[in-house]
Amino acid sequence: MAAGMKLVRAHKIKLDCTDRQATYFAKACGCARKAWNWALTRWKEEYEAAKEARKMDPKAKMPSEGS
């Protein structure tokens, strides 16, 4: 391997779960996805509102800049 190159390894693991476990995993993933999408939508709303506020006041902070 040449200097400065990085070796990346991956492991693929198959879960051999019961139907009940598979149902639980599907529900848990669905819940996490819903929470992620809710938070992303909320962040986008805040970001757009901050952009509008910044048009009025150039010193207004964007959400990523903290309060």
PDB file of N, CA and C in Angstrom:
ATOM      1  N   MET A   1       0.846  -1.178   0.000  1.00  0.00           N
ATOM      2  CA  MET A   1       0.000   0.000   0.000  1.00  0.00           C
ATOM      3  C   MET A   1       0.894   1.244   0.000  1.00  0.00           C
ATOM      4  N   ALA A   2       0.525   2.208  -0.796  1.00  0.00           N
ATOM      5  CA  ALA A   2       1.317   3.434  -0.916  1.00  0.00           C
ATOM      6  C   ALA A   2       1.146   4.299   0.333  1.00  0.00           C
ATOM      7  N   ALA A   3       2.137   5.109   0.590  1.00  0.00           N
ATOM      8  CA  ALA A   3       2.090   5.996   1.754  1.00  0.00           C
ATOM      9  C   ALA A   3       0.923   6.968   1.636  1.00  0.00           C
ATOM     10  N   GLY A   4       0.276   7.208   2.736  1.00  0.00           N
ATOM     11  CA  GLY A   4      -0.836   8.158   2.746  1.00  0.00           C
ATOM     12  C   GLY A   4      -2.170   7.538   2.359  1.00  0.00           C
ATOM     13  N   MET A   5      -2.171   6.291   1.895  1.00  0.00           N
ATOM     14  CA  MET A   5      -3.432   5.639   1.540  1.00  0.00           C
ATOM     15  C   MET A   5      -4.033   5.003   2.784  1.00  0.00           C
ATOM     16  N   LYS A   6      -5.317   4.933   2.807  1.00  0.00           N
ATOM     17  CA  LYS A   6      -6.025   4.417   3.962  1.00  0.00           C
ATOM     18  C   LYS A   6      -6.706   3.103   3.592  1.00  0.00           C
ATOM     19  N   LEU A   7      -6.593   2.118   4.437  1.00  0.00           N
ATOM     20  CA  LEU A   7      -7.243   0.841   4.226  1.00  0.00           C
ATOM     21  C   LEU A   7      -8.591   0.881   4.937  1.00  0.00           C
ATOM     22  N   VAL A   8      -9.652   0.618   4.215  1.00  0.00           N
ATOM     23  CA  VAL A   8     -10.986   0.624   4.786  1.00  0.00           C
ATOM     24  C   VAL A   8     -11.522  -0.801   4.742  1.00  0.00           C
ATOM     25  N   ARG A   9     -11.951  -1.283   5.885  1.00  0.00           N
ATOM     26  CA  ARG A   9     -12.516  -2.627   5.968  1.00  0.00           C
ATOM     27  C   ARG A   9     -13.977  -2.526   6.375  1.00  0.00           C
ATOM     28  N   ALA A  10     -14.739  -3.465   5.925  1.00  0.00           N
ATOM     29  CA  ALA A  10     -16.149  -3.498   6.293  1.00  0.00           C
ATOM     30  C   ALA A  10     -16.528  -4.911   6.696  1.00  0.00           C
ATOM     31  N   HIS A  11     -17.487  -4.991   7.562  1.00  0.00           N
ATOM     32  CA  HIS A  11     -18.008  -6.286   7.993  1.00  0.00           C
ATOM     33  C   HIS A  11     -19.497  -6.299   7.705  1.00  0.00           C
ATOM     34  N   LYS A  12     -19.966  -7.342   7.111  1.00  0.00           N
ATOM     35  CA  LYS A  12     -21.377  -7.483   6.825  1.00  0.00           C
ATOM     36  C   LYS A  12     -21.915  -8.566   7.749  1.00  0.00           C
ATOM     37  N   ILE A  13     -22.897  -8.215   8.547  1.00  0.00           N
ATOM     38  CA  ILE A  13     -23.434  -9.142   9.528  1.00  0.00           C
ATOM     39  C   ILE A  13     -24.918  -9.327   9.246  1.00  0.00           C
ATOM     40  N   LYS A  14     -25.337 -10.561   9.166  1.00  0.00           N
ATOM     41  CA  LYS A  14     -26.747 -10.861   8.943  1.00  0.00           C
ATOM     42  C   LYS A  14     -27.365 -11.264  10.269  1.00  0.00           C
ATOM     43  N   LEU A  15     -28.454 -10.618  10.629  1.00  0.00           N
ATOM     44  CA  LEU A  15     -29.161 -10.972  11.852  1.00  0.00           C
ATOM     45  C   LEU A  15     -30.130 -12.103  11.552  1.00  0.00           C
ATOM     46  N   ASP A  16     -30.103 -13.116  12.354  1.00  0.00           N
ATOM     47  CA  ASP A  16     -31.034 -14.234  12.214  1.00  0.00           C
ATOM     48  C   ASP A  16     -32.058 -14.087  13.334  1.00  0.00           C
ATOM     49  N   CYS A  17     -33.021 -13.187  13.103  1.00  0.00           N
ATOM     50  CA  CYS A  17     -33.963 -12.868  14.172  1.00  0.00           C
ATOM     51  C   CYS A  17     -35.313 -13.545  13.947  1.00  0.00           C
ATOM     52  N   THR A  18     -36.068 -13.613  15.032  1.00  0.00           N
ATOM     53  CA  THR A  18     -37.409 -14.189  14.959  1.00  0.00           C
ATOM     54  C   THR A  18     -38.342 -13.155  14.321  1.00  0.00           C
ATOM     55  N   ASP A  19     -39.549 -13.590  14.002  1.00  0.00           N
ATOM     56  CA  ASP A  19     -40.545 -12.662  13.430  1.00  0.00           C
ATOM     57  C   ASP A  19     -40.846 -11.528  14.406  1.00  0.00           C
ATOM     58  N   ARG A  20     -40.924 -11.860  15.682  1.00  0.00           N
ATOM     59  CA  ARG A  20     -41.207 -10.849  16.701  1.00  0.00           C
ATOM     60  C   ARG A  20     -40.076  -9.819  16.768  1.00  0.00           C
ATOM     61  N   GLN A  21     -38.845 -10.288  16.721  1.00  0.00           N
ATOM     62  CA  GLN A  21     -37.702  -9.383  16.741  1.00  0.00           C
ATOM     63  C   GLN A  21     -37.666  -8.520  15.478  1.00  0.00           C
ATOM     64  N   ALA A  22     -37.949  -9.118  14.331  1.00  0.00           N
ATOM     65  CA  ALA A  22     -37.954  -8.374  13.070  1.00  0.00           C
ATOM     66  C   ALA A  22     -38.998  -7.256  13.107  1.00  0.00           C
ATOM     67  N   THR A  23     -40.154  -7.560  13.678  1.00  0.00           N
ATOM     68  CA  THR A  23     -41.209  -6.554  13.813  1.00  0.00           C
ATOM     69  C   THR A  23     -40.742  -5.422  14.715  1.00  0.00           C
ATOM     70  N   TYR A  24     -40.098  -5.769  15.825  1.00  0.00           N
ATOM     71  CA  TYR A  24     -39.585  -4.753  16.745  1.00  0.00           C
ATOM     72  C   TYR A  24     -38.563  -3.864  16.046  1.00  0.00           C
ATOM     73  N   PHE A  25     -37.621  -4.467  15.325  1.00  0.00           N
ATOM     74  CA  PHE A  25     -36.586  -3.687  14.628  1.00  0.00           C
ATOM     75  C   PHE A  25     -37.216  -2.742  13.609  1.00  0.00           C
ATOM     76  N   ALA A  26     -38.216  -3.231  12.881  1.00  0.00           N
ATOM     77  CA  ALA A  26     -38.884  -2.391  11.883  1.00  0.00           C
ATOM     78  C   ALA A  26     -39.569  -1.199  12.553  1.00  0.00           C
ATOM     79  N   LYS A  27     -40.229  -1.444  13.694  1.00  0.00           N
ATOM     80  CA  LYS A  27     -40.899  -0.359  14.416  1.00  0.00           C
ATOM     81  C   LYS A  27     -39.881   0.647  14.956  1.00  0.00           C
ATOM     82  N   ALA A  28     -38.787   0.128  15.497  1.00  0.00           N
ATOM     83  CA  ALA A  28     -37.758   1.011  16.052  1.00  0.00           C
ATOM     84  C   ALA A  28     -37.155   1.881  14.956  1.00  0.00           C
ATOM     85  N   CYS A  29     -36.885   1.297  13.795  1.00  0.00           N
ATOM     86  CA  CYS A  29     -36.330   2.077  12.684  1.00  0.00           C
ATOM     87  C   CYS A  29     -37.334   3.108  12.192  1.00  0.00           C
ATOM     88  N   GLY A  30     -38.596   2.732  12.151  1.00  0.00           N
ATOM     89  CA  GLY A  30     -39.630   3.669  11.718  1.00  0.00           C
ATOM     90  C   GLY A  30     -39.744   4.850  12.669  1.00  0.00           C
ATOM     91  N   CYS A  31     -39.628   4.571  13.962  1.00  0.00           N
ATOM     92  CA  CYS A  31     -39.697   5.634  14.970  1.00  0.00           C
ATOM     93  C   CYS A  31     -38.500   6.571  14.834  1.00  0.00           C
ATOM     94  N   ALA A  32     -37.328   6.003  14.646  1.00  0.00           N
ATOM     95  CA  ALA A  32     -36.121   6.824  14.496  1.00  0.00           C
ATOM     96  C   ALA A  32     -36.216   7.687  13.240  1.00  0.00           C
ATOM     97  N   ARG A  33     -36.739   7.114  12.169  1.00  0.00           N
ATOM     98  CA  ARG A  33     -36.876   7.872  10.918  1.00  0.00           C
ATOM     99  C   ARG A  33     -37.850   9.034  11.096  1.00  0.00           C
ATOM    100  N   LYS A  34     -38.956   8.769  11.785  1.00  0.00           N
ATOM    101  CA  LYS A  34     -39.944   9.825  12.024  1.00  0.00           C
ATOM    102  C   LYS A  34     -39.327  10.957  12.853  1.00  0.00           C
ATOM    103  N   ALA A  35     -38.576  10.602  13.881  1.00  0.00           N
ATOM    104  CA  ALA A  35     -37.925  11.615  14.720  1.00  0.00           C
ATOM    105  C   ALA A  35     -36.919  12.414  13.903  1.00  0.00           C
ATOM    106  N   TRP A  36     -36.136  11.734  13.076  1.00  0.00           N
ATOM    107  CA  TRP A  36     -35.142  12.423  12.236  1.00  0.00           C
ATOM    108  C   TRP A  36     -35.831  13.397  11.286  1.00  0.00           C
ATOM    109  N   ASN A  37     -36.876  12.931  10.598  1.00  0.00           N
ATOM    110  CA  ASN A  37     -37.577  13.785   9.646  1.00  0.00           C
ATOM    111  C   ASN A  37     -38.234  14.978  10.338  1.00  0.00           C
ATOM    112  N   TRP A  38     -38.798  14.759  11.539  1.00  0.00           N
ATOM    113  CA  TRP A  38     -39.395  15.860  12.284  1.00  0.00           C
ATOM    114  C   TRP A  38     -38.333  16.899  12.614  1.00  0.00           C
ATOM    115  N   ALA A  39     -37.188  16.438  13.133  1.00  0.00           N
ATOM    116  CA  ALA A  39     -36.123  17.367  13.518  1.00  0.00           C
ATOM    117  C   ALA A  39     -35.559  18.101  12.303  1.00  0.00           C
ATOM    118  N   LEU A  40     -35.412  17.408  11.190  1.00  0.00           N
ATOM    119  CA  LEU A  40     -34.902  18.034   9.975  1.00  0.00           C
ATOM    120  C   LEU A  40     -35.853  19.119   9.479  1.00  0.00           C
ATOM    121  N   THR A  41     -37.139  18.830   9.490  1.00  0.00           N
ATOM    122  CA  THR A  41     -38.138  19.822   9.085  1.00  0.00           C
ATOM    123  C   THR A  41     -38.090  21.035  10.004  1.00  0.00           C
ATOM    124  N   ARG A  42     -38.006  20.786  11.293  1.00  0.00           N
ATOM    125  CA  ARG A  42     -37.935  21.878  12.269  1.00  0.00           C
ATOM    126  C   ARG A  42     -36.691  22.738  12.035  1.00  0.00           C
ATOM    127  N   TRP A  43     -35.546  22.090  11.789  1.00  0.00           N
ATOM    128  CA  TRP A  43     -34.306  22.824  11.547  1.00  0.00           C
ATOM    129  C   TRP A  43     -34.420  23.677  10.287  1.00  0.00           C
ATOM    130  N   LYS A  44     -35.005  23.111   9.236  1.00  0.00           N
ATOM    131  CA  LYS A  44     -35.162  23.867   7.987  1.00  0.00           C
ATOM    132  C   LYS A  44     -36.045  25.093   8.197  1.00  0.00           C
ATOM    133  N   GLU A  45     -37.110  24.936   8.990  1.00  0.00           N
ATOM    134  CA  GLU A  45     -37.984  26.077   9.282  1.00  0.00           C
ATOM    135  C   GLU A  45     -37.220  27.167  10.024  1.00  0.00           C
ATOM    136  N   GLU A  46     -36.454  26.773  11.026  1.00  0.00           N
ATOM    137  CA  GLU A  46     -35.656  27.729  11.791  1.00  0.00           C
ATOM    138  C   GLU A  46     -34.619  28.406  10.900  1.00  0.00           C
ATOM    139  N   TYR A  47     -34.000  27.635  10.028  1.00  0.00           N
ATOM    140  CA  TYR A  47     -32.971  28.174   9.139  1.00  0.00           C
ATOM    141  C   TYR A  47     -33.567  29.207   8.190  1.00  0.00           C
ATOM    142  N   GLU A  48     -34.704  28.895   7.598  1.00  0.00           N
ATOM    143  CA  GLU A  48     -35.364  29.835   6.679  1.00  0.00           C
ATOM    144  C   GLU A  48     -35.793  31.105   7.427  1.00  0.00           C
ATOM    145  N   ALA A  49     -36.310  30.939   8.647  1.00  0.00           N
ATOM    146  CA  ALA A  49     -36.710  32.104   9.441  1.00  0.00           C
ATOM    147  C   ALA A  49     -35.486  32.966   9.751  1.00  0.00           C
ATOM    148  N   ALA A  50     -34.369  32.331  10.051  1.00  0.00           N
ATOM    149  CA  ALA A  50     -33.146  33.079  10.354  1.00  0.00           C
ATOM    150  C   ALA A  50     -32.629  33.806   9.112  1.00  0.00           C
ATOM    151  N   LYS A  51     -32.768  33.174   7.948  1.00  0.00           N
ATOM    152  CA  LYS A  51     -32.348  33.842   6.707  1.00  0.00           C
ATOM    153  C   LYS A  51     -33.171  35.101   6.485  1.00  0.00           C
ATOM    154  N   GLU A  52     -34.461  35.006   6.732  1.00  0.00           N
ATOM    155  CA  GLU A  52     -35.332  36.178   6.579  1.00  0.00           C
ATOM    156  C   GLU A  52     -34.956  37.256   7.596  1.00  0.00           C
ATOM    157  N   ALA A  53     -34.669  36.853   8.824  1.00  0.00           N
ATOM    158  CA  ALA A  53     -34.287  37.812   9.860  1.00  0.00           C
ATOM    159  C   ALA A  53     -32.956  38.467   9.509  1.00  0.00           C
ATOM    160  N   ARG A  54     -32.072  37.710   8.900  1.00  0.00           N
ATOM    161  CA  ARG A  54     -30.762  38.252   8.545  1.00  0.00           C
ATOM    162  C   ARG A  54     -30.876  39.309   7.437  1.00  0.00           C
ATOM    163  N   LYS A  55     -31.909  39.195   6.605  1.00  0.00           N
ATOM    164  CA  LYS A  55     -32.125  40.217   5.579  1.00  0.00           C
ATOM    165  C   LYS A  55     -32.425  41.558   6.237  1.00  0.00           C
ATOM    166  N   MET A  56     -33.155  41.513   7.362  1.00  0.00           N
ATOM    167  CA  MET A  56     -33.510  42.730   8.093  1.00  0.00           C
ATOM    168  C   MET A  56     -32.344  43.212   8.955  1.00  0.00           C
ATOM    169  N   ASP A  57     -31.639  42.238   9.566  1.00  0.00           N
ATOM    170  CA  ASP A  57     -30.540  42.566  10.476  1.00  0.00           C
ATOM    171  C   ASP A  57     -29.349  41.672  10.143  1.00  0.00           C
ATOM    172  N   PRO A  58     -28.360  42.194   9.435  1.00  0.00           N
ATOM    173  CA  PRO A  58     -27.206  41.377   9.037  1.00  0.00           C
ATOM    174  C   PRO A  58     -26.440  40.752  10.193  1.00  0.00           C
ATOM    175  N   LYS A  59     -26.632  41.264  11.403  1.00  0.00           N
ATOM    176  CA  LYS A  59     -25.940  40.693  12.559  1.00  0.00           C
ATOM    177  C   LYS A  59     -26.711  39.543  13.205  1.00  0.00           C
ATOM    178  N   ALA A  60     -27.898  39.249  12.685  1.00  0.00           N
ATOM    179  CA  ALA A  60     -28.694  38.150  13.246  1.00  0.00           C
ATOM    180  C   ALA A  60     -27.954  36.835  13.038  1.00  0.00           C
ATOM    181  N   LYS A  61     -28.057  35.957  14.032  1.00  0.00           N
ATOM    182  CA  LYS A  61     -27.327  34.691  13.966  1.00  0.00           C
ATOM    183  C   LYS A  61     -28.152  33.619  13.263  1.00  0.00           C
ATOM    184  N   MET A  62     -27.444  32.759  12.538  1.00  0.00           N
ATOM    185  CA  MET A  62     -28.054  31.605  11.907  1.00  0.00           C
ATOM    186  C   MET A  62     -28.135  30.500  12.970  1.00  0.00           C
ATOM    187  N   PRO A  63     -29.018  29.501  12.792  1.00  0.00           N
ATOM    188  CA  PRO A  63     -29.163  28.441  13.807  1.00  0.00           C
ATOM    189  C   PRO A  63     -27.852  27.722  14.118  1.00  0.00           C
ATOM    190  N   SER A  64     -27.001  27.565  13.140  1.00  0.00           N
ATOM    191  CA  SER A  64     -25.753  26.852  13.363  1.00  0.00           C
ATOM    192  C   SER A  64     -24.730  27.689  14.127  1.00  0.00           C
ATOM    193  N   GLU A  65     -24.988  28.967  14.312  1.00  0.00           N
ATOM    194  CA  GLU A  65     -24.063  29.849  15.012  1.00  0.00           C
ATOM    195  C   GLU A  65     -24.375  29.956  16.504  1.00  0.00           C
ATOM    196  N   GLY A  66     -25.378  29.259  16.970  1.00  0.00           N
ATOM    197  CA  GLY A  66     -25.732  29.315  18.392  1.00  0.00           C
ATOM    198  C   GLY A  66     -26.562  30.528  18.724  1.00  0.00           C
ATOM    199  N   SER A  67     -26.999  30.588  19.998  1.00  0.00           N
ATOM    200  CA  SER A  67     -27.861  31.708  20.369  1.00  0.00           C
ATOM    201  C   SER A  67     -27.138  32.846  20.999  1.00  0.00           C
TER     202      SER A  67
END
